[in-house]
PDB file of N, CA and C in Angstrom:
ATOM      1  N   MET A   1     -12.110  27.813   2.052  1.00  0.00           N
ATOM      2  CA  MET A   1     -12.864  26.196   1.818  1.00  0.00           C
ATOM      3  C   MET A   1     -13.607  26.227   0.853  1.00  0.00           C
ATOM      4  N   ILE A   2     -13.512  24.915   0.195  1.00  0.00           N
ATOM      5  CA  ILE A   2     -14.311  24.123  -0.736  1.00  0.00           C
ATOM      6  C   ILE A   2     -15.675  23.878  -0.481  1.00  0.00           C
ATOM      7  N   ASP A   3     -16.409  24.123  -1.451  1.00  0.00           N
ATOM      8  CA  ASP A   3     -17.963  23.644  -0.622  1.00  0.00           C
ATOM      9  C   ASP A   3     -17.600  22.193  -1.780  1.00  0.00           C
ATOM     10  N   LEU A   4     -18.216  20.695  -0.866  1.00  0.00           N
ATOM     11  CA  LEU A   4     -18.396  19.699  -1.239  1.00  0.00           C
ATOM     12  C   LEU A   4     -19.786  19.814  -1.457  1.00  0.00           C
ATOM     13  N   VAL A   5     -20.582  18.774  -2.459  1.00  0.00           N
ATOM     14  CA  VAL A   5     -22.125  18.442  -2.417  1.00  0.00           C
ATOM     15  C   VAL A   5     -21.969  16.970  -2.206  1.00  0.00           C
ATOM     16  N   VAL A   6     -22.646  16.744  -1.645  1.00  0.00           N
ATOM     17  CA  VAL A   6     -23.265  14.927  -1.150  1.00  0.00           C
ATOM     18  C   VAL A   6     -24.704  15.087  -0.939  1.00  0.00           C
ATOM     19  N   PRO A   7     -24.978  13.852  -1.291  1.00  0.00           N
ATOM     20  CA  PRO A   7     -27.105  13.781  -1.066  1.00  0.00           C
ATOM     21  C   PRO A   7     -26.524  14.159   0.212  1.00  0.00           C
ATOM     22  N   ALA A   8     -28.321  14.878  -0.055  1.00  0.00           N
ATOM     23  CA  ALA A   8     -28.911  14.797   1.903  1.00  0.00           C
ATOM     24  C   ALA A   8     -28.459  13.643   3.089  1.00  0.00           C
ATOM     25  N   GLU A   9     -29.032  12.438   2.726  1.00  0.00           N
ATOM     26  CA  GLU A   9     -28.994  11.709   3.617  1.00  0.00           C
ATOM     27  C   GLU A   9     -27.563  11.390   3.733  1.00  0.00           C
ATOM     28  N   LEU A  10     -26.849  11.178   2.669  1.00  0.00           N
ATOM     29  CA  LEU A  10     -25.154  10.838   3.556  1.00  0.00           C
ATOM     30  C   LEU A  10     -25.205  12.168   4.301  1.00  0.00           C
ATOM     31  N   ALA A  11     -24.985  13.599   4.187  1.00  0.00           N
ATOM     32  CA  ALA A  11     -24.884  14.610   4.779  1.00  0.00           C
ATOM     33  C   ALA A  11     -25.374  14.465   6.152  1.00  0.00           C
ATOM     34  N   ARG A  12     -26.799  13.459   6.558  1.00  0.00           N
ATOM     35  CA  ARG A  12     -27.368  13.558   7.451  1.00  0.00           C
ATOM     36  C   ARG A  12     -26.123  12.439   8.348  1.00  0.00           C
ATOM     37  N   GLU A  13     -25.910  11.408   7.887  1.00  0.00           N
ATOM     38  CA  GLU A  13     -25.558  10.437   8.234  1.00  0.00           C
ATOM     39  C   GLU A  13     -24.190  11.078   8.565  1.00  0.00           C
ATOM     40  N   ILE A  14     -23.287  11.581   8.077  1.00  0.00           N
ATOM     41  CA  ILE A  14     -22.068  12.114   8.703  1.00  0.00           C
ATOM     42  C   ILE A  14     -21.786  12.925   9.931  1.00  0.00           C
ATOM     43  N   ARG A  15     -22.699  13.831  10.013  1.00  0.00           N
ATOM     44  CA  ARG A  15     -23.278  15.017  10.779  1.00  0.00           C
ATOM     45  C   ARG A  15     -23.762  14.321  12.035  1.00  0.00           C
ATOM     46  N   LEU A  16     -24.704  12.771  12.068  1.00  0.00           N
ATOM     47  CA  LEU A  16     -25.029  12.108  13.253  1.00  0.00           C
ATOM     48  C   LEU A  16     -24.142  11.305  13.546  1.00  0.00           C
ATOM     49  N   LYS A  17     -23.054  10.326  12.633  1.00  0.00           N
ATOM     50  CA  LYS A  17     -21.796  10.273  13.499  1.00  0.00           C
ATOM     51  C   LYS A  17     -20.888  11.256  14.411  1.00  0.00           C
ATOM     52  N   ALA A  18     -20.718  12.078  13.427  1.00  0.00           N
ATOM     53  CA  ALA A  18     -19.576  13.102  14.192  1.00  0.00           C
ATOM     54  C   ALA A  18     -20.385  13.452  15.731  1.00  0.00           C
ATOM     55  N   GLU A  19     -21.831  13.702  15.452  1.00  0.00           N
ATOM     56  CA  GLU A  19     -22.381  14.310  17.614  1.00  0.00           C
ATOM     57  C   GLU A  19     -21.913  12.977  17.860  1.00  0.00           C
ATOM     58  N   MET A  20     -22.388  11.458  17.931  1.00  0.00           N
ATOM     59  CA  MET A  20     -22.370  10.473  18.575  1.00  0.00           C
ATOM     60  C   MET A  20     -20.661  10.802  19.089  1.00  0.00           C
ATOM     61  N   GLU A  21     -20.054  10.832  17.901  1.00  0.00           N
ATOM     62  CA  GLU A  21     -18.537  10.653  18.513  1.00  0.00           C
ATOM     63  C   GLU A  21     -17.964  11.753  19.189  1.00  0.00           C
ATOM     64  N   GLY A  22     -18.822  13.026  19.099  1.00  0.00           N
ATOM     65  CA  GLY A  22     -17.857  14.031  19.896  1.00  0.00           C
ATOM     66  C   GLY A  22     -17.430  14.876  18.973  1.00  0.00           C
ATOM     67  N   VAL A  23     -17.330  14.605  17.460  1.00  0.00           N
ATOM     68  CA  VAL A  23     -16.227  15.244  17.055  1.00  0.00           C
ATOM     69  C   VAL A  23     -16.363  15.984  15.926  1.00  0.00           C
ATOM     70  N   ALA A  24     -15.890  17.247  15.126  1.00  0.00           N
ATOM     71  CA  ALA A  24     -16.311  17.930  13.661  1.00  0.00           C
ATOM     72  C   ALA A  24     -16.250  16.712  12.850  1.00  0.00           C
ATOM     73  N   VAL A  25     -17.762  17.772  12.191  1.00  0.00           N
ATOM     74  CA  VAL A  25     -18.228  16.824  10.629  1.00  0.00           C
ATOM     75  C   VAL A  25     -16.321  16.512  10.212  1.00  0.00           C
ATOM     76  N   GLU A  26     -15.743  17.279   9.932  1.00  0.00           N
ATOM     77  CA  GLU A  26     -14.775  17.316   9.229  1.00  0.00           C
ATOM     78  C   GLU A  26     -13.267  16.511   9.817  1.00  0.00           C
ATOM     79  N   THR A  27     -13.672  15.662  10.843  1.00  0.00           N
ATOM     80  CA  THR A  27     -12.844  14.789  11.210  1.00  0.00           C
ATOM     81  C   THR A  27     -13.257  13.414  11.235  1.00  0.00           C
ATOM     82  N   VAL A  28     -14.752  13.018  10.878  1.00  0.00           N
ATOM     83  CA  VAL A  28     -14.810  12.002  10.294  1.00  0.00           C
ATOM     84  C   VAL A  28     -14.882  11.678   8.763  1.00  0.00           C
ATOM     85  N   LEU A  29     -15.044  12.801   7.976  1.00  0.00           N
ATOM     86  CA  LEU A  29     -14.966  12.928   6.661  1.00  0.00           C
ATOM     87  C   LEU A  29     -12.941  12.761   6.217  1.00  0.00           C
ATOM     88  N   GLU A  30     -12.199  13.139   7.381  1.00  0.00           N
ATOM     89  CA  GLU A  30     -10.770  12.890   6.947  1.00  0.00           C
ATOM     90  C   GLU A  30     -10.699  11.324   7.314  1.00  0.00           C
ATOM     91  N   ALA A  31     -11.082  11.116   8.059  1.00  0.00           N
ATOM     92  CA  ALA A  31     -10.743   9.566   8.480  1.00  0.00           C
ATOM     93  C   ALA A  31     -11.333   8.793   7.735  1.00  0.00           C
ATOM     94  N   ALA A  32     -12.983   9.291   6.988  1.00  0.00           N
ATOM     95  CA  ALA A  32     -13.064   8.066   5.951  1.00  0.00           C
ATOM     96  C   ALA A  32     -12.435   8.338   4.899  1.00  0.00           C
ATOM     97  N   TRP A  33     -11.816   9.202   4.503  1.00  0.00           N
ATOM     98  CA  TRP A  33     -10.753   9.818   3.057  1.00  0.00           C
ATOM     99  C   TRP A  33      -9.930   8.653   3.581  1.00  0.00           C
ATOM    100  N   ARG A  34      -8.767   8.913   4.556  1.00  0.00           N
ATOM    101  CA  ARG A  34      -7.811   8.153   4.976  1.00  0.00           C
ATOM    102  C   ARG A  34      -7.892   6.819   5.062  1.00  0.00           C
ATOM    103  N   HIS A  35      -8.757   6.093   5.345  1.00  0.00           N
ATOM    104  CA  HIS A  35      -9.385   4.570   5.166  1.00  0.00           C
ATOM    105  C   HIS A  35      -9.758   4.252   3.776  1.00  0.00           C
ATOM    106  N   TYR A  36     -10.208   5.424   2.648  1.00  0.00           N
ATOM    107  CA  TYR A  36     -10.502   4.581   1.532  1.00  0.00           C
ATOM    108  C   TYR A  36      -9.035   4.629   0.604  1.00  0.00           C
ATOM    109  N   GLN A  37      -8.505   6.049   1.403  1.00  0.00           N
ATOM    110  CA  GLN A  37      -7.114   5.975   0.573  1.00  0.00           C
ATOM    111  C   GLN A  37      -6.665   4.747   1.009  1.00  0.00           C
ATOM    112  N   MET A  38      -6.407   4.067   2.199  1.00  0.00           N
ATOM    113  CA  MET A  38      -5.580   3.154   2.616  1.00  0.00           C
ATOM    114  C   MET A  38      -5.781   1.669   1.836  1.00  0.00           C
ATOM    115  N   LEU A  39      -7.115   2.219   1.747  1.00  0.00           N
ATOM    116  CA  LEU A  39      -7.735   0.425   0.782  1.00  0.00           C
ATOM    117  C   LEU A  39      -7.570   0.893  -0.848  1.00  0.00           C
ATOM    118  N   ALA A  40      -7.341   2.118  -1.201  1.00  0.00           N
ATOM    119  CA  ALA A  40      -7.157   1.949  -2.874  1.00  0.00           C
ATOM    120  C   ALA A  40      -5.622   1.681  -2.801  1.00  0.00           C
ATOM    121  N   ASN A  41      -4.704   1.974  -1.899  1.00  0.00           N
ATOM    122  CA  ASN A  41      -3.412   1.935  -1.906  1.00  0.00           C
ATOM    123  C   ASN A  41      -3.136   0.626  -1.974  1.00  0.00           C
ATOM    124  N   ARG A  42      -3.709  -0.650  -0.980  1.00  0.00           N
ATOM    125  CA  ARG A  42      -3.823  -1.534  -0.884  1.00  0.00           C
ATOM    126  C   ARG A  42      -4.042  -2.424  -2.160  1.00  0.00           C
ATOM    127  N   ARG A  43      -5.175  -2.225  -2.646  1.00  0.00           N
ATOM    128  CA  ARG A  43      -5.725  -2.735  -4.441  1.00  0.00           C
ATOM    129  C   ARG A  43      -4.637  -2.598  -4.891  1.00  0.00           C
ATOM    130  N   LYS A  44      -4.126  -1.327  -5.384  1.00  0.00           N
ATOM    131  CA  LYS A  44      -3.345  -1.130  -5.912  1.00  0.00           C
ATOM    132  C   LYS A  44      -1.431  -1.866  -5.750  1.00  0.00           C
ATOM    133  N   ILE A  45      -1.371  -2.296  -4.153  1.00  0.00           N
ATOM    134  CA  ILE A  45      -0.090  -2.889  -4.399  1.00  0.00           C
ATOM    135  C   ILE A  45      -0.148  -4.343  -4.553  1.00  0.00           C
ATOM    136  N   LYS A  46      -1.426  -4.625  -4.358  1.00  0.00           N
ATOM    137  CA  LYS A  46      -2.064  -6.144  -4.873  1.00  0.00           C
ATOM    138  C   LYS A  46      -1.969  -6.550  -6.302  1.00  0.00           C
ATOM    139  N   SER A  47      -2.577  -5.340  -7.039  1.00  0.00           N
ATOM    140  CA  SER A  47      -2.597  -5.438  -8.301  1.00  0.00           C
ATOM    141  C   SER A  47      -1.014  -5.404  -9.284  1.00  0.00           C
ATOM    142  N   GLU A  48      -0.160  -4.635  -8.316  1.00  0.00           N
ATOM    143  CA  GLU A  48       1.343  -4.414  -8.825  1.00  0.00           C
ATOM    144  C   GLU A  48       1.378  -5.886  -8.806  1.00  0.00           C
ATOM    145  N   THR A  49       1.526  -6.385  -7.384  1.00  0.00           N
ATOM    146  CA  THR A  49       2.372  -8.177  -7.198  1.00  0.00           C
ATOM    147  C   THR A  49       1.809  -8.946  -7.967  1.00  0.00           C
ATOM    148  N   VAL A  50       0.389  -9.062  -8.383  1.00  0.00           N
ATOM    149  CA  VAL A  50       0.026 -10.310  -9.508  1.00  0.00           C
ATOM    150  C   VAL A  50       0.554  -9.820 -10.319  1.00  0.00           C
ATOM    151  N   TRP A  51       0.644  -8.722 -11.434  1.00  0.00           N
ATOM    152  CA  TRP A  51       1.205  -8.022 -12.695  1.00  0.00           C
ATOM    153  C   TRP A  51       2.810  -9.093 -12.772  1.00  0.00           C
ATOM    154  N   TRP A  52       3.572  -8.161 -11.188  1.00  0.00           N
ATOM    155  CA  TRP A  52       4.888  -8.625 -11.340  1.00  0.00           C
ATOM    156  C   TRP A  52       5.208 -10.380 -11.356  1.00  0.00           C
ATOM    157  N   ASN A  53       4.372 -10.912 -10.675  1.00  0.00           N
ATOM    158  CA  ASN A  53       4.351 -12.261 -10.513  1.00  0.00           C
ATOM    159  C   ASN A  53       3.984 -13.202 -11.694  1.00  0.00           C
ATOM    160  N   ASN A  54       2.987 -12.656 -12.657  1.00  0.00           N
ATOM    161  CA  ASN A  54       2.781 -13.276 -13.564  1.00  0.00           C
ATOM    162  C   ASN A  54       3.741 -12.520 -15.070  1.00  0.00           C
ATOM    163  N   GLN A  55       4.624 -11.731 -14.943  1.00  0.00           N
ATOM    164  CA  GLN A  55       6.205 -11.279 -15.606  1.00  0.00           C
ATOM    165  C   GLN A  55       6.579 -12.873 -16.152  1.00  0.00           C
ATOM    166  N   PRO A  56       7.154 -13.321 -17.357  1.00  0.00           N
ATOM    167  CA  PRO A  56       7.949 -14.327 -17.544  1.00  0.00           C
ATOM    168  C   PRO A  56       9.078 -14.110 -16.913  1.00  0.00           C
ATOM    169  N   GLU A  57       9.655 -15.251 -16.898  1.00  0.00           N
ATOM    170  CA  GLU A  57      10.545 -15.607 -15.660  1.00  0.00           C
ATOM    171  C   GLU A  57      11.756 -15.166 -15.865  1.00  0.00           C
ATOM    172  N   GLY A  58      12.084 -15.293 -17.674  1.00  0.00           N
ATOM    173  CA  GLY A  58      12.859 -14.294 -18.317  1.00  0.00           C
ATOM    174  C   GLY A  58      13.225 -13.076 -17.776  1.00  0.00           C
ATOM    175  N   GLU A  59      12.362 -12.006 -17.894  1.00  0.00           N
ATOM    176  CA  GLU A  59      12.121 -10.921 -17.022  1.00  0.00           C
ATOM    177  C   GLU A  59      12.390 -10.687 -16.279  1.00  0.00           C
ATOM    178  N   ARG A  60      12.070 -11.314 -15.180  1.00  0.00           N
ATOM    179  CA  ARG A  60      12.552 -11.440 -13.751  1.00  0.00           C
ATOM    180  C   ARG A  60      13.624 -11.855 -13.262  1.00  0.00           C
ATOM    181  N   ALA A  61      14.142 -12.611 -13.945  1.00  0.00           N
ATOM    182  CA  ALA A  61      15.616 -13.417 -13.733  1.00  0.00           C
ATOM    183  C   ALA A  61      16.628 -11.938 -14.035  1.00  0.00           C
ATOM    184  N   ARG A  62      16.203 -10.899 -14.686  1.00  0.00           N
ATOM    185  CA  ARG A  62      17.338  -9.826 -14.978  1.00  0.00           C
ATOM    186  C   ARG A  62      17.251  -9.026 -14.013  1.00  0.00           C
ATOM    187  N   TYR A  63      16.192  -8.942 -12.275  1.00  0.00           N
ATOM    188  CA  TYR A  63      16.176  -8.735 -11.829  1.00  0.00           C
ATOM    189  C   TYR A  63      16.890  -9.346 -10.541  1.00  0.00           C
ATOM    190  N   LYS A  64      17.516 -10.168 -10.202  1.00  0.00           N
ATOM    191  CA  LYS A  64      17.639 -11.457  -9.657  1.00  0.00           C
ATOM    192  C   LYS A  64      18.661 -10.875  -8.882  1.00  0.00           C
ATOM    193  N   GLY A  65      18.078 -10.760  -7.071  1.00  0.00           N
ATOM    194  CA  GLY A  65      18.632 -10.275  -5.857  1.00  0.00           C
ATOM    195  C   GLY A  65      18.838  -8.630  -6.333  1.00  0.00           C
ATOM    196  N   LYS A  66      18.250  -8.103  -6.731  1.00  0.00           N
ATOM    197  CA  LYS A  66      17.621  -7.246  -6.283  1.00  0.00           C
ATOM    198  C   LYS A  66      16.219  -6.762  -5.878  1.00  0.00           C
ATOM    199  N   TYR A  67      16.083  -5.525  -5.451  1.00  0.00           N
ATOM    200  CA  TYR A  67      14.655  -5.265  -5.021  1.00  0.00           C
ATOM    201  C   TYR A  67      14.506  -4.525  -6.376  1.00  0.00           C
ATOM    202  N   ILE A  68      12.804  -4.561  -6.650  1.00  0.00           N
ATOM    203  CA  ILE A  68      12.528  -3.997  -7.607  1.00  0.00           C
ATOM    204  C   ILE A  68      11.079  -2.856  -7.381  1.00  0.00           C
ATOM    205  N   ALA A  69      11.028  -2.050  -8.026  1.00  0.00           N
ATOM    206  CA  ALA A  69       9.850  -1.252  -7.589  1.00  0.00           C
ATOM    207  C   ALA A  69       8.672  -0.643  -8.840  1.00  0.00           C
ATOM    208  N   VAL A  70       7.725  -1.551  -8.809  1.00  0.00           N
ATOM    209  CA  VAL A  70       6.735  -1.642  -9.424  1.00  0.00           C
ATOM    210  C   VAL A  70       5.581  -0.675  -9.275  1.00  0.00           C
ATOM    211  N   HIS A  71       5.078   0.527 -11.023  1.00  0.00           N
ATOM    212  CA  HIS A  71       4.251   1.228 -10.250  1.00  0.00           C
ATOM    213  C   HIS A  71       3.669   1.808 -11.869  1.00  0.00           C
ATOM    214  N   GLN A  72       2.029   1.460 -11.922  1.00  0.00           N
ATOM    215  CA  GLN A  72       1.653   1.551 -12.883  1.00  0.00           C
ATOM    216  C   GLN A  72       2.069   0.113 -13.637  1.00  0.00           C
ATOM    217  N   GLN A  73       2.368  -1.283 -13.312  1.00  0.00           N
ATOM    218  CA  GLN A  73       2.262  -1.922 -14.191  1.00  0.00           C
ATOM    219  C   GLN A  73       3.974  -2.141 -14.818  1.00  0.00           C
ATOM    220  N   ALA A  74       5.407  -1.404 -14.219  1.00  0.00           N
ATOM    221  CA  ALA A  74       6.302  -1.460 -14.822  1.00  0.00           C
ATOM    222  C   ALA A  74       6.932  -0.897 -13.669  1.00  0.00           C
ATOM    223  N   VAL A  75       8.452  -1.792 -13.972  1.00  0.00           N
ATOM    224  CA  VAL A  75       9.333  -1.558 -13.407  1.00  0.00           C
ATOM    225  C   VAL A  75      10.127  -0.129 -13.148  1.00  0.00           C
ATOM    226  N   VAL A  76      10.012   0.206 -12.694  1.00  0.00           N
ATOM    227  CA  VAL A  76      10.609   2.078 -12.698  1.00  0.00           C
ATOM    228  C   VAL A  76      11.856   2.219 -12.270  1.00  0.00           C
ATOM    229  N   ASP A  77      12.262   1.239 -11.140  1.00  0.00           N
ATOM    230  CA  ASP A  77      13.347   1.330 -10.921  1.00  0.00           C
ATOM    231  C   ASP A  77      13.588   0.092  -9.865  1.00  0.00           C
ATOM    232  N   TYR A  78      15.219  -0.273  -9.268  1.00  0.00           N
ATOM    233  CA  TYR A  78      16.039  -0.940  -8.994  1.00  0.00           C
ATOM    234  C   TYR A  78      17.056  -1.018  -8.685  1.00  0.00           C
ATOM    235  N   ASP A  79      17.193  -1.886  -7.401  1.00  0.00           N
ATOM    236  CA  ASP A  79      18.664  -1.592  -6.643  1.00  0.00           C
ATOM    237  C   ASP A  79      18.625  -2.884  -5.663  1.00  0.00           C
ATOM    238  N   SER A  80      19.910  -3.351  -5.523  1.00  0.00           N
ATOM    239  CA  SER A  80      20.256  -4.064  -4.911  1.00  0.00           C
ATOM    240  C   SER A  80      20.451  -3.520  -3.107  1.00  0.00           C
ATOM    241  N   ASP A  81      20.023  -2.295  -2.982  1.00  0.00           N
ATOM    242  CA  ASP A  81      19.792  -2.001  -1.502  1.00  0.00           C
ATOM    243  C   ASP A  81      18.337  -1.212  -1.466  1.00  0.00           C
ATOM    244  N   ARG A  82      17.527  -1.704  -0.956  1.00  0.00           N
ATOM    245  CA  ARG A  82      16.005  -1.856  -0.547  1.00  0.00           C
ATOM    246  C   ARG A  82      16.206  -0.159  -0.164  1.00  0.00           C
ATOM    247  N   VAL A  83      16.956   0.246   1.030  1.00  0.00           N
ATOM    248  CA  VAL A  83      16.718   1.596   1.339  1.00  0.00           C
ATOM    249  C   VAL A  83      17.038   2.546   0.627  1.00  0.00           C
ATOM    250  N   ALA A  84      17.959   2.701  -0.159  1.00  0.00           N
ATOM    251  CA  ALA A  84      18.239   3.670  -1.062  1.00  0.00           C
ATOM    252  C   ALA A  84      17.115   4.198  -2.478  1.00  0.00           C
ATOM    253  N   LEU A  85      16.802   1.991  -2.975  1.00  0.00           N
ATOM    254  CA  LEU A  85      15.744   2.384  -3.298  1.00  0.00           C
ATOM    255  C   LEU A  85      14.480   2.990  -3.233  1.00  0.00           C
ATOM    256  N   HIS A  86      14.114   2.593  -2.126  1.00  0.00           N
ATOM    257  CA  HIS A  86      13.381   3.452  -1.212  1.00  0.00           C
ATOM    258  C   HIS A  86      13.078   4.825  -1.219  1.00  0.00           C
ATOM    259  N   GLY A  87      13.814   5.437  -1.073  1.00  0.00           N
ATOM    260  CA  GLY A  87      14.229   6.691  -0.537  1.00  0.00           C
ATOM    261  C   GLY A  87      14.070   7.595  -2.558  1.00  0.00           C
ATOM    262  N   ARG A  88      14.826   6.807  -3.067  1.00  0.00           N
ATOM    263  CA  ARG A  88      14.653   7.683  -4.929  1.00  0.00           C
ATOM    264  C   ARG A  88      13.281   7.322  -4.755  1.00  0.00           C
ATOM    265  N   ILE A  89      12.396   5.992  -4.609  1.00  0.00           N
ATOM    266  CA  ILE A  89      11.155   6.427  -4.754  1.00  0.00           C
ATOM    267  C   ILE A  89       9.996   7.304  -4.017  1.00  0.00           C
ATOM    268  N   ARG A  90      10.579   7.774  -3.035  1.00  0.00           N
ATOM    269  CA  ARG A  90       9.939   8.640  -2.368  1.00  0.00           C
ATOM    270  C   ARG A  90       9.999  10.225  -2.912  1.00  0.00           C
ATOM    271  N   ALA A  91      10.915  10.210  -3.488  1.00  0.00           N
ATOM    272  CA  ALA A  91      11.432  11.376  -3.760  1.00  0.00           C
ATOM    273  C   ALA A  91      10.442  11.476  -4.927  1.00  0.00           C
ATOM    274  N   LYS A  92      10.633  10.525  -5.677  1.00  0.00           N
ATOM    275  CA  LYS A  92       9.892  10.596  -7.422  1.00  0.00           C
ATOM    276  C   LYS A  92       8.232  10.715  -6.746  1.00  0.00           C
ATOM    277  N   TYR A  93       7.977   9.747  -6.155  1.00  0.00           N
ATOM    278  CA  TYR A  93       6.663   9.803  -6.438  1.00  0.00           C
ATOM    279  C   TYR A  93       5.820  10.272  -4.898  1.00  0.00           C
ATOM    280  N   GLY A  94       6.841  10.773  -4.246  1.00  0.00           N
ATOM    281  CA  GLY A  94       6.080  10.772  -2.467  1.00  0.00           C
ATOM    282  C   GLY A  94       4.978  10.172  -1.830  1.00  0.00           C
ATOM    283  N   ARG A  95       3.667  10.050  -1.501  1.00  0.00           N
ATOM    284  CA  ARG A  95       3.450   9.012  -0.377  1.00  0.00           C
ATOM    285  C   ARG A  95       2.365   8.339  -1.624  1.00  0.00           C
ATOM    286  N   THR A  96       2.341   8.417  -3.093  1.00  0.00           N
ATOM    287  CA  THR A  96       1.981   7.394  -4.232  1.00  0.00           C
ATOM    288  C   THR A  96       2.088   5.831  -4.075  1.00  0.00           C
ATOM    289  N   ALA A  97       1.335   4.933  -3.672  1.00  0.00           N
ATOM    290  CA  ALA A  97       1.546   3.331  -3.416  1.00  0.00           C
ATOM    291  C   ALA A  97       2.733   3.161  -4.377  1.00  0.00           C
ATOM    292  N   VAL A  98       3.529   2.911  -4.331  1.00  0.00           N
ATOM    293  CA  VAL A  98       4.579   1.803  -5.164  1.00  0.00           C
ATOM    294  C   VAL A  98       5.256   0.650  -4.663  1.00  0.00           C
ATOM    295  N   LEU A  99       5.090  -0.702  -5.566  1.00  0.00           N
ATOM    296  CA  LEU A  99       5.301  -1.939  -4.658  1.00  0.00           C
ATOM    297  C   LEU A  99       7.060  -1.988  -4.848  1.00  0.00           C
ATOM    298  N   ILE A 100       7.439  -2.498  -3.931  1.00  0.00           N
ATOM    299  CA  ILE A 100       9.099  -2.641  -4.098  1.00  0.00           C
ATOM    300  C   ILE A 100       9.267  -3.956  -3.218  1.00  0.00           C
ATOM    301  N   ILE A 101       9.572  -4.392  -3.581  1.00  0.00           N
ATOM    302  CA  ILE A 101      10.021  -6.098  -3.658  1.00  0.00           C
ATOM    303  C   ILE A 101      10.973  -6.651  -4.111  1.00  0.00           C
ATOM    304  N   PRO A 102      11.748  -7.379  -3.239  1.00  0.00           N
ATOM    305  CA  PRO A 102      12.415  -8.787  -4.254  1.00  0.00           C
ATOM    306  C   PRO A 102      12.249  -9.056  -5.268  1.00  0.00           C
ATOM    307  N   ALA A 103      13.001  -8.542  -6.192  1.00  0.00           N
ATOM    308  CA  ALA A 103      12.548  -9.604  -7.575  1.00  0.00           C
ATOM    309  C   ALA A 103      12.271 -10.933  -7.588  1.00  0.00           C
ATOM    310  N   GLU A 104      12.798 -11.732  -6.699  1.00  0.00           N
ATOM    311  CA  GLU A 104      12.187 -13.188  -6.472  1.00  0.00           C
ATOM    312  C   GLU A 104      11.202 -13.480  -5.824  1.00  0.00           C
ATOM    313  N   GLY A 105      10.713 -11.976  -5.524  1.00  0.00           N
ATOM    314  CA  GLY A 105       9.284 -12.239  -4.769  1.00  0.00           C
ATOM    315  C   GLY A 105       9.430 -12.344  -3.310  1.00  0.00           C
ATOM    316  N   PRO A 106       8.067 -12.388  -2.414  1.00  0.00           N
ATOM    317  CA  PRO A 106       8.536 -12.281  -0.850  1.00  0.00           C
ATOM    318  C   PRO A 106       9.549 -13.217  -0.734  1.00  0.00           C
ATOM    319  N   ARG A 107      10.500 -12.743   0.228  1.00  0.00           N
ATOM    320  CA  ARG A 107      11.109 -13.737   0.939  1.00  0.00           C
ATOM    321  C   ARG A 107      10.246 -14.455   2.008  1.00  0.00           C
ATOM    322  N   GLY A 108      10.464 -15.899   2.212  1.00  0.00           N
ATOM    323  CA  GLY A 108      10.396 -16.225   2.956  1.00  0.00           C
ATOM    324  C   GLY A 108      10.555 -15.626   4.715  1.00  0.00           C
ATOM    325  N   ILE A 109       9.288 -16.201   5.524  1.00  0.00           N
ATOM    326  CA  ILE A 109       9.531 -15.718   6.790  1.00  0.00           C
ATOM    327  C   ILE A 109       9.715 -16.846   7.653  1.00  0.00           C
ATOM    328  N   ARG A 110      10.494 -16.937   8.548  1.00  0.00           N
ATOM    329  CA  ARG A 110      10.853 -18.114   9.107  1.00  0.00           C
ATOM    330  C   ARG A 110      10.295 -17.621  10.706  1.00  0.00           C
ATOM    331  N   ILE A 111       9.867 -18.413  11.186  1.00  0.00           N
ATOM    332  CA  ILE A 111       9.244 -18.171  12.646  1.00  0.00           C
ATOM    333  C   ILE A 111       9.743 -18.651  13.228  1.00  0.00           C
ATOM    334  N   LEU A 112      10.976 -18.645  14.858  1.00  0.00           N
ATOM    335  CA  LEU A 112      11.115 -19.945  16.082  1.00  0.00           C
ATOM    336  C   LEU A 112      10.275 -19.325  17.085  1.00  0.00           C
ATOM    337  N   SER A 113       9.546 -20.911  17.316  1.00  0.00           N
ATOM    338  CA  SER A 113       9.076 -20.480  18.188  1.00  0.00           C
ATOM    339  C   SER A 113       9.592 -21.876  18.933  1.00  0.00           C
ATOM    340  N   PRO A 114       9.739 -21.852  20.685  1.00  0.00           N
ATOM    341  CA  PRO A 114       9.789 -23.122  21.357  1.00  0.00           C
ATOM    342  C   PRO A 114       9.151 -23.583  21.530  1.00  0.00           C
ATOM    343  N   ARG A 115       8.847 -24.825  21.503  1.00  0.00           N
ATOM    344  CA  ARG A 115       8.130 -26.071  21.602  1.00  0.00           C
ATOM    345  C   ARG A 115       7.959 -26.605  22.966  1.00  0.00           C
ATOM    346  N   LEU A 116       7.013 -27.172  23.855  1.00  0.00           N
ATOM    347  CA  LEU A 116       6.740 -27.843  24.803  1.00  0.00           C
ATOM    348  C   LEU A 116       6.441 -28.876  24.781  1.00  0.00           C
ATOM    349  N   GLU A 117       7.303 -29.706  25.405  1.00  0.00           N
ATOM    350  CA  GLU A 117       6.583 -31.067  25.230  1.00  0.00           C
ATOM    351  C   GLU A 117       6.356 -31.975  26.385  1.00  0.00           C
ATOM    352  N   SER A 118       5.934 -32.544  26.775  1.00  0.00           N
ATOM    353  CA  SER A 118       5.351 -33.128  28.310  1.00  0.00           C
ATOM    354  C   SER A 118       6.839 -34.678  27.782  1.00  0.00           C
ATOM    355  N   ARG A 119       7.136 -34.688  28.967  1.00  0.00           N
ATOM    356  CA  ARG A 119       8.131 -36.050  29.327  1.00  0.00           C
ATOM    357  C   ARG A 119       6.975 -37.143  29.930  1.00  0.00           C
TER     358      ARG A 119
END
């Protein structure tokens, strides 16, 4: 085990929360860490999306009809097969957040819904 030093007030708050929830302090810390990582991954994906959308049209057109993988503001791989691309990205980057998106940008979502009308 490794010791982690945190301010006393924070340690008290964590212990209190764990006691109130009836769980171990480690459980609270693990949940907090996972939440932090999720938010960091979302920020990264949003940043990568903005970067890609701001690329010149000519650069984006090079990958027309393909899926691209963007990591650290660079296209690191591309493929017309999203599943194959995803497999290579996971093999290379593990659980690191990497944007995989159609080069043209997000595809539109079509929602079909029955509409009830009074007659």
